[in-house]
Full PDB file with SEQRES, HELIX, SHEET, SSBOND, CRYST1, ORIGX, SCALE, CONECT and MASTER records, all heavy atoms in Angstrom:
SEQRES   1 A   29  ILE ALA THR VAL VAL ASP SER LEU LYS SER TYR TYR ASP          
SEQRES   2 A   29  GLN SER VAL ASP THR ALA SER SER TYR VAL GLU SER ILE          
SEQRES   3 A   29  LYS GLY TYR                                                  
HELIX    1 AA1 ALA A    2  GLY A   28  1                                  27    
CRYST1    1.000    1.000    1.000  90.00  90.00  90.00 P 1           1          
ORIGX1      1.000000  0.000000  0.000000        0.00000                         
ORIGX2      0.000000  1.000000  0.000000        0.00000                         
ORIGX3      0.000000  0.000000  1.000000        0.00000                         
SCALE1      1.000000  0.000000  0.000000        0.00000                         
SCALE2      0.000000  1.000000  0.000000        0.00000                         
SCALE3      0.000000  0.000000  1.000000        0.00000                         
ATOM      1  N   ILE A   1      48.205  73.604 125.826  1.00  0.00           N  
ATOM      2  CA  ILE A   1      49.322  74.110 126.634  1.00  0.00           C  
ATOM      3  C   ILE A   1      49.734  73.072 127.666  1.00  0.00           C  
ATOM      4  O   ILE A   1      50.926  72.836 127.880  1.00  0.00           O  
ATOM      5  CB  ILE A   1      48.946  75.446 127.293  1.00  0.00           C  
ATOM      6  CG1 ILE A   1      48.743  76.509 126.220  1.00  0.00           C  
ATOM      7  CG2 ILE A   1      50.002  75.877 128.290  1.00  0.00           C  
ATOM      8  CD1 ILE A   1      48.254  77.835 126.742  1.00  0.00           C  
ATOM      9  N   ALA A   2      48.769  72.437 128.302  1.00  0.00           N  
ATOM     10  CA  ALA A   2      49.094  71.416 129.304  1.00  0.00           C  
ATOM     11  C   ALA A   2      49.821  70.246 128.662  1.00  0.00           C  
ATOM     12  O   ALA A   2      50.771  69.707 129.243  1.00  0.00           O  
ATOM     13  CB  ALA A   2      47.819  70.943 129.991  1.00  0.00           C  
ATOM     14  N   THR A   3      49.417  69.867 127.472  1.00  0.00           N  
ATOM     15  CA  THR A   3      50.076  68.771 126.771  1.00  0.00           C  
ATOM     16  C   THR A   3      51.517  69.145 126.424  1.00  0.00           C  
ATOM     17  O   THR A   3      52.436  68.343 126.602  1.00  0.00           O  
ATOM     18  CB  THR A   3      49.307  68.423 125.484  1.00  0.00           C  
ATOM     19  OG1 THR A   3      47.951  68.159 125.815  1.00  0.00           O  
ATOM     20  CG2 THR A   3      49.911  67.221 124.796  1.00  0.00           C  
ATOM     21  N   VAL A   4      51.712  70.366 125.951  1.00  0.00           N  
ATOM     22  CA  VAL A   4      53.061  70.826 125.602  1.00  0.00           C  
ATOM     23  C   VAL A   4      53.930  70.897 126.842  1.00  0.00           C  
ATOM     24  O   VAL A   4      55.087  70.458 126.838  1.00  0.00           O  
ATOM     25  CB  VAL A   4      52.998  72.197 124.888  1.00  0.00           C  
ATOM     26  CG1 VAL A   4      54.377  72.808 124.752  1.00  0.00           C  
ATOM     27  CG2 VAL A   4      52.336  72.056 123.532  1.00  0.00           C  
ATOM     28  N   VAL A   5      53.386  71.426 127.941  1.00  0.00           N  
ATOM     29  CA  VAL A   5      54.154  71.534 129.184  1.00  0.00           C  
ATOM     30  C   VAL A   5      54.529  70.148 129.699  1.00  0.00           C  
ATOM     31  O   VAL A   5      55.663  69.922 130.131  1.00  0.00           O  
ATOM     32  CB  VAL A   5      53.355  72.329 130.242  1.00  0.00           C  
ATOM     33  CG1 VAL A   5      53.988  72.207 131.608  1.00  0.00           C  
ATOM     34  CG2 VAL A   5      53.255  73.786 129.842  1.00  0.00           C  
ATOM     35  N   ASP A   6      53.589  69.207 129.644  1.00  0.00           N  
ATOM     36  CA  ASP A   6      53.892  67.853 130.094  1.00  0.00           C  
ATOM     37  C   ASP A   6      54.975  67.209 129.242  1.00  0.00           C  
ATOM     38  O   ASP A   6      55.871  66.537 129.760  1.00  0.00           O  
ATOM     39  CB  ASP A   6      52.625  66.989 130.060  1.00  0.00           C  
ATOM     40  CG  ASP A   6      51.651  67.350 131.170  1.00  0.00           C  
ATOM     41  OD1 ASP A   6      52.074  68.039 132.131  1.00  0.00           O  
ATOM     42  OD2 ASP A   6      50.474  66.945 131.075  1.00  0.00           O  
ATOM     43  N   SER A   7      54.927  67.411 127.947  1.00  0.00           N  
ATOM     44  CA  SER A   7      55.954  66.818 127.086  1.00  0.00           C  
ATOM     45  C   SER A   7      57.310  67.476 127.333  1.00  0.00           C  
ATOM     46  O   SER A   7      58.337  66.800 127.349  1.00  0.00           O  
ATOM     47  CB  SER A   7      55.561  66.909 125.616  1.00  0.00           C  
ATOM     48  OG  SER A   7      55.459  68.262 125.226  1.00  0.00           O  
ATOM     49  N   LEU A   8      57.319  68.797 127.549  1.00  0.00           N  
ATOM     50  CA  LEU A   8      58.583  69.473 127.853  1.00  0.00           C  
ATOM     51  C   LEU A   8      59.161  68.989 129.181  1.00  0.00           C  
ATOM     52  O   LEU A   8      60.377  68.799 129.314  1.00  0.00           O  
ATOM     53  CB  LEU A   8      58.398  70.985 127.887  1.00  0.00           C  
ATOM     54  CG  LEU A   8      58.168  71.650 126.537  1.00  0.00           C  
ATOM     55  CD1 LEU A   8      57.885  73.130 126.726  1.00  0.00           C  
ATOM     56  CD2 LEU A   8      59.363  71.453 125.627  1.00  0.00           C  
ATOM     57  N   LYS A   9      58.303  68.778 130.170  1.00  0.00           N  
ATOM     58  CA  LYS A   9      58.769  68.261 131.458  1.00  0.00           C  
ATOM     59  C   LYS A   9      59.372  66.876 131.298  1.00  0.00           C  
ATOM     60  O   LYS A   9      60.406  66.567 131.888  1.00  0.00           O  
ATOM     61  CB  LYS A   9      57.619  68.205 132.465  1.00  0.00           C  
ATOM     62  CG  LYS A   9      57.266  69.540 133.064  1.00  0.00           C  
ATOM     63  CD  LYS A   9      56.146  69.394 134.083  1.00  0.00           C  
ATOM     64  CE  LYS A   9      55.736  70.731 134.644  1.00  0.00           C  
ATOM     65  NZ  LYS A   9      54.623  70.607 135.598  1.00  0.00           N  
ATOM     66  N   SER A  10      58.728  66.036 130.496  1.00  0.00           N  
ATOM     67  CA  SER A  10      59.261  64.687 130.312  1.00  0.00           C  
ATOM     68  C   SER A  10      60.596  64.724 129.570  1.00  0.00           C  
ATOM     69  O   SER A  10      61.523  63.987 129.914  1.00  0.00           O  
ATOM     70  CB  SER A  10      58.258  63.810 129.564  1.00  0.00           C  
ATOM     71  OG  SER A  10      58.108  64.244 128.235  1.00  0.00           O  
ATOM     72  N   TYR A  11      60.726  65.609 128.555  1.00  0.00           N  
ATOM     73  CA  TYR A  11      61.999  65.749 127.861  1.00  0.00           C  
ATOM     74  C   TYR A  11      63.086  66.257 128.810  1.00  0.00           C  
ATOM     75  O   TYR A  11      64.224  65.792 128.778  1.00  0.00           O  
ATOM     76  CB  TYR A  11      61.887  66.696 126.664  1.00  0.00           C  
ATOM     77  CG  TYR A  11      61.093  66.148 125.514  1.00  0.00           C  
ATOM     78  CD1 TYR A  11      60.233  66.971 124.800  1.00  0.00           C  
ATOM     79  CD2 TYR A  11      61.202  64.818 125.119  1.00  0.00           C  
ATOM     80  CE1 TYR A  11      59.494  66.478 123.736  1.00  0.00           C  
ATOM     81  CE2 TYR A  11      60.466  64.320 124.063  1.00  0.00           C  
ATOM     82  CZ  TYR A  11      59.617  65.151 123.376  1.00  0.00           C  
ATOM     83  OH  TYR A  11      58.893  64.665 122.334  1.00  0.00           O  
ATOM     84  N   TYR A  12      62.730  67.222 129.667  1.00  0.00           N  
ATOM     85  CA  TYR A  12      63.692  67.773 130.626  1.00  0.00           C  
ATOM     86  C   TYR A  12      64.133  66.690 131.608  1.00  0.00           C  
ATOM     87  O   TYR A  12      65.333  66.541 131.877  1.00  0.00           O  
ATOM     88  CB  TYR A  12      63.070  68.950 131.381  1.00  0.00           C  
ATOM     89  CG  TYR A  12      63.944  69.484 132.480  1.00  0.00           C  
ATOM     90  CD1 TYR A  12      65.041  70.278 132.178  1.00  0.00           C  
ATOM     91  CD2 TYR A  12      63.683  69.195 133.809  1.00  0.00           C  
ATOM     92  CE1 TYR A  12      65.861  70.758 133.181  1.00  0.00           C  
ATOM     93  CE2 TYR A  12      64.493  69.679 134.815  1.00  0.00           C  
ATOM     94  CZ  TYR A  12      65.573  70.463 134.507  1.00  0.00           C  
ATOM     95  OH  TYR A  12      66.382  70.927 135.493  1.00  0.00           O  
ATOM     96  N   ASP A  13      63.182  65.936 132.144  1.00  0.00           N  
ATOM     97  CA  ASP A  13      63.534  64.871 133.084  1.00  0.00           C  
ATOM     98  C   ASP A  13      64.423  63.825 132.426  1.00  0.00           C  
ATOM     99  O   ASP A  13      65.389  63.345 133.023  1.00  0.00           O  
ATOM    100  CB  ASP A  13      62.270  64.213 133.633  1.00  0.00           C  
ATOM    101  CG  ASP A  13      61.483  65.135 134.549  1.00  0.00           C  
ATOM    102  OD1 ASP A  13      62.086  66.100 135.075  1.00  0.00           O  
ATOM    103  OD2 ASP A  13      60.269  64.892 134.727  1.00  0.00           O  
ATOM    104  N   GLN A  14      64.121  63.493 131.190  1.00  0.00           N  
ATOM    105  CA  GLN A  14      64.912  62.505 130.469  1.00  0.00           C  
ATOM    106  C   GLN A  14      66.334  63.021 130.225  1.00  0.00           C  
ATOM    107  O   GLN A  14      67.308  62.284 130.385  1.00  0.00           O  
ATOM    108  CB  GLN A  14      64.234  62.165 129.148  1.00  0.00           C  
ATOM    109  CG  GLN A  14      64.864  61.027 128.401  1.00  0.00           C  
ATOM    110  CD  GLN A  14      64.098  60.717 127.123  1.00  0.00           C  
ATOM    111  OE1 GLN A  14      63.288  61.521 126.666  1.00  0.00           O  
ATOM    112  NE2 GLN A  14      64.358  59.558 126.547  1.00  0.00           N  
ATOM    113  N   SER A  15      66.470  64.298 129.867  1.00  0.00           N  
ATOM    114  CA  SER A  15      67.807  64.850 129.622  1.00  0.00           C  
ATOM    115  C   SER A  15      68.605  64.960 130.917  1.00  0.00           C  
ATOM    116  O   SER A  15      69.819  64.725 130.925  1.00  0.00           O  
ATOM    117  CB  SER A  15      67.714  66.209 128.933  1.00  0.00           C  
ATOM    118  OG  SER A  15      67.059  67.144 129.767  1.00  0.00           O  
ATOM    119  N   VAL A  16      67.943  65.287 132.032  1.00  0.00           N  
ATOM    120  CA  VAL A  16      68.642  65.340 133.317  1.00  0.00           C  
ATOM    121  C   VAL A  16      69.126  63.946 133.713  1.00  0.00           C  
ATOM    122  O   VAL A  16      70.255  63.786 134.195  1.00  0.00           O  
ATOM    123  CB  VAL A  16      67.722  65.946 134.403  1.00  0.00           C  
ATOM    124  CG1 VAL A  16      68.287  65.720 135.787  1.00  0.00           C  
ATOM    125  CG2 VAL A  16      67.535  67.430 134.156  1.00  0.00           C  
ATOM    126  N   ASP A  17      68.301  62.949 133.507  1.00  0.00           N  
ATOM    127  CA  ASP A  17      68.709  61.579 133.818  1.00  0.00           C  
ATOM    128  C   ASP A  17      69.888  61.147 132.955  1.00  0.00           C  
ATOM    129  O   ASP A  17      70.836  60.517 133.441  1.00  0.00           O  
ATOM    130  CB  ASP A  17      67.542  60.608 133.614  1.00  0.00           C  
ATOM    131  CG  ASP A  17      66.436  60.817 134.637  1.00  0.00           C  
ATOM    132  OD1 ASP A  17      66.717  61.422 135.693  1.00  0.00           O  
ATOM    133  OD2 ASP A  17      65.294  60.378 134.372  1.00  0.00           O  
ATOM    134  N   THR A  18      69.857  61.495 131.685  1.00  0.00           N  
ATOM    135  CA  THR A  18      70.958  61.148 130.781  1.00  0.00           C  
ATOM    136  C   THR A  18      72.238  61.858 131.201  1.00  0.00           C  
ATOM    137  O   THR A  18      73.309  61.246 131.246  1.00  0.00           O  
ATOM    138  CB  THR A  18      70.600  61.522 129.340  1.00  0.00           C  
ATOM    139  OG1 THR A  18      69.378  60.881 128.989  1.00  0.00           O  
ATOM    140  CG2 THR A  18      71.687  61.093 128.380  1.00  0.00           C  
ATOM    141  N   ALA A  19      72.143  63.139 131.525  1.00  0.00           N  
ATOM    142  CA  ALA A  19      73.326  63.891 131.955  1.00  0.00           C  
ATOM    143  C   ALA A  19      73.875  63.336 133.254  1.00  0.00           C  
ATOM    144  O   ALA A  19      75.094  63.232 133.431  1.00  0.00           O  
ATOM    145  CB  ALA A  19      72.975  65.365 132.113  1.00  0.00           C  
ATOM    146  N   SER A  20      73.012  62.949 134.165  1.00  0.00           N  
ATOM    147  CA  SER A  20      73.465  62.367 135.429  1.00  0.00           C  
ATOM    148  C   SER A  20      74.199  61.060 135.199  1.00  0.00           C  
ATOM    149  O   SER A  20      75.220  60.795 135.840  1.00  0.00           O  
ATOM    150  CB  SER A  20      72.277  62.136 136.359  1.00  0.00           C  
ATOM    151  OG  SER A  20      71.667  63.345 136.698  1.00  0.00           O  
ATOM    152  N   SER A  21      73.697  60.256 134.278  1.00  0.00           N  
ATOM    153  CA  SER A  21      74.386  58.994 133.991  1.00  0.00           C  
ATOM    154  C   SER A  21      75.750  59.253 133.347  1.00  0.00           C  
ATOM    155  O   SER A  21      76.716  58.552 133.636  1.00  0.00           O  
ATOM    156  CB  SER A  21      73.532  58.101 133.103  1.00  0.00           C  
ATOM    157  OG  SER A  21      73.373  58.678 131.820  1.00  0.00           O  
ATOM    158  N   TYR A  22      75.833  60.280 132.481  1.00  0.00           N  
ATOM    159  CA  TYR A  22      77.131  60.633 131.895  1.00  0.00           C  
ATOM    160  C   TYR A  22      78.108  61.116 132.955  1.00  0.00           C  
ATOM    161  O   TYR A  22      79.282  60.752 132.942  1.00  0.00           O  
ATOM    162  CB  TYR A  22      76.971  61.715 130.828  1.00  0.00           C  
ATOM    163  CG  TYR A  22      76.362  61.246 129.529  1.00  0.00           C  
ATOM    164  CD1 TYR A  22      75.653  62.122 128.729  1.00  0.00           C  
ATOM    165  CD2 TYR A  22      76.499  59.937 129.100  1.00  0.00           C  
ATOM    166  CE1 TYR A  22      75.088  61.703 127.543  1.00  0.00           C  
ATOM    167  CE2 TYR A  22      75.935  59.511 127.920  1.00  0.00           C  
ATOM    168  CZ  TYR A  22      75.230  60.395 127.142  1.00  0.00           C  
ATOM    169  OH  TYR A  22      74.677  59.988 125.964  1.00  0.00           O  
ATOM    170  N   VAL A  23      77.626  61.925 133.898  1.00  0.00           N  
ATOM    171  CA  VAL A  23      78.494  62.427 134.965  1.00  0.00           C  
ATOM    172  C   VAL A  23      79.000  61.271 135.824  1.00  0.00           C  
ATOM    173  O   VAL A  23      80.180  61.220 136.192  1.00  0.00           O  
ATOM    174  CB  VAL A  23      77.752  63.474 135.820  1.00  0.00           C  
ATOM    175  CG1 VAL A  23      78.505  63.783 137.099  1.00  0.00           C  
ATOM    176  CG2 VAL A  23      77.540  64.750 135.023  1.00  0.00           C  
ATOM    177  N   GLU A  24      78.126  60.337 136.121  1.00  0.00           N  
ATOM    178  CA  GLU A  24      78.542  59.186 136.917  1.00  0.00           C  
ATOM    179  C   GLU A  24      79.581  58.342 136.171  1.00  0.00           C  
ATOM    180  O   GLU A  24      80.539  57.858 136.764  1.00  0.00           O  
ATOM    181  CB  GLU A  24      77.329  58.321 137.285  1.00  0.00           C  
ATOM    182  CG  GLU A  24      76.412  58.975 138.284  1.00  0.00           C  
ATOM    183  CD  GLU A  24      77.089  59.300 139.600  1.00  0.00           C  
ATOM    184  OE1 GLU A  24      77.907  58.507 140.081  1.00  0.00           O  
ATOM    185  OE2 GLU A  24      76.796  60.382 140.134  1.00  0.00           O  
ATOM    186  N   SER A  25      79.407  58.187 134.855  1.00  0.00           N  
ATOM    187  CA  SER A  25      80.390  57.401 134.105  1.00  0.00           C  
ATOM    188  C   SER A  25      81.720  58.148 134.000  1.00  0.00           C  
ATOM    189  O   SER A  25      82.782  57.533 134.020  1.00  0.00           O  
ATOM    190  CB  SER A  25      79.859  57.062 132.714  1.00  0.00           C  
ATOM    191  OG  SER A  25      79.722  58.236 131.943  1.00  0.00           O  
ATOM    192  N   ILE A  26      81.679  59.478 133.914  1.00  0.00           N  
ATOM    193  CA  ILE A  26      82.919  60.264 133.861  1.00  0.00           C  
ATOM    194  C   ILE A  26      83.661  60.182 135.187  1.00  0.00           C  
ATOM    195  O   ILE A  26      84.887  60.101 135.225  1.00  0.00           O  
ATOM    196  CB  ILE A  26      82.605  61.722 133.471  1.00  0.00           C  
ATOM    197  CG1 ILE A  26      82.225  61.791 131.999  1.00  0.00           C  
ATOM    198  CG2 ILE A  26      83.782  62.637 133.757  1.00  0.00           C  
ATOM    199  CD1 ILE A  26      81.725  63.154 131.557  1.00  0.00           C  
ATOM    200  N   LYS A  27      82.921  60.195 136.299  1.00  0.00           N  
ATOM    201  CA  LYS A  27      83.567  60.072 137.603  1.00  0.00           C  
ATOM    202  C   LYS A  27      84.292  58.735 137.719  1.00  0.00           C  
ATOM    203  O   LYS A  27      85.297  58.621 138.411  1.00  0.00           O  
ATOM    204  CB  LYS A  27      82.536  60.216 138.724  1.00  0.00           C  
ATOM    205  CG  LYS A  27      82.113  61.635 138.961  1.00  0.00           C  
ATOM    206  CD  LYS A  27      81.162  61.733 140.130  1.00  0.00           C  
ATOM    207  CE  LYS A  27      80.744  63.167 140.364  1.00  0.00           C  
ATOM    208  NZ  LYS A  27      79.783  63.289 141.474  1.00  0.00           N  
ATOM    209  N   GLY A  28      83.779  57.739 137.033  1.00  0.00           N  
ATOM    210  CA  GLY A  28      84.429  56.432 137.047  1.00  0.00           C  
ATOM    211  C   GLY A  28      85.784  56.448 136.359  1.00  0.00           C  
ATOM    212  O   GLY A  28      86.650  55.631 136.660  1.00  0.00           O  
ATOM    213  N   TYR A  29      85.999  57.351 135.432  1.00  0.00           N  
ATOM    214  CA  TYR A  29      87.275  57.444 134.730  1.00  0.00           C  
ATOM    215  C   TYR A  29      88.317  58.251 135.503  1.00  0.00           C  
ATOM    216  O   TYR A  29      89.454  58.369 135.054  1.00  0.00           O  
ATOM    217  CB  TYR A  29      87.091  58.078 133.352  1.00  0.00           C  
ATOM    218  CG  TYR A  29      86.249  57.264 132.403  1.00  0.00           C  
ATOM    219  CD1 TYR A  29      85.246  57.877 131.676  1.00  0.00           C  
ATOM    220  CD2 TYR A  29      86.456  55.912 132.239  1.00  0.00           C  
ATOM    221  CE1 TYR A  29      84.455  57.146 130.804  1.00  0.00           C  
ATOM    222  CE2 TYR A  29      85.678  55.173 131.369  1.00  0.00           C  
ATOM    223  CZ  TYR A  29      84.681  55.795 130.652  1.00  0.00           C  
ATOM    224  OH  TYR A  29      83.904  55.082 129.792  1.00  0.00           O  
TER     225      TYR A  29                                                      
MASTER        0    0    0    1    0    0    0    6  224    1    0    3          
END                                                                             
């Protein structure tokens, strides 16, 4: 369970970072 939770947290953090970068690039347009 701890391994699954850690992997889900890392996927969530990675997706938030990706979405933030997309939002920043959209603001540039």
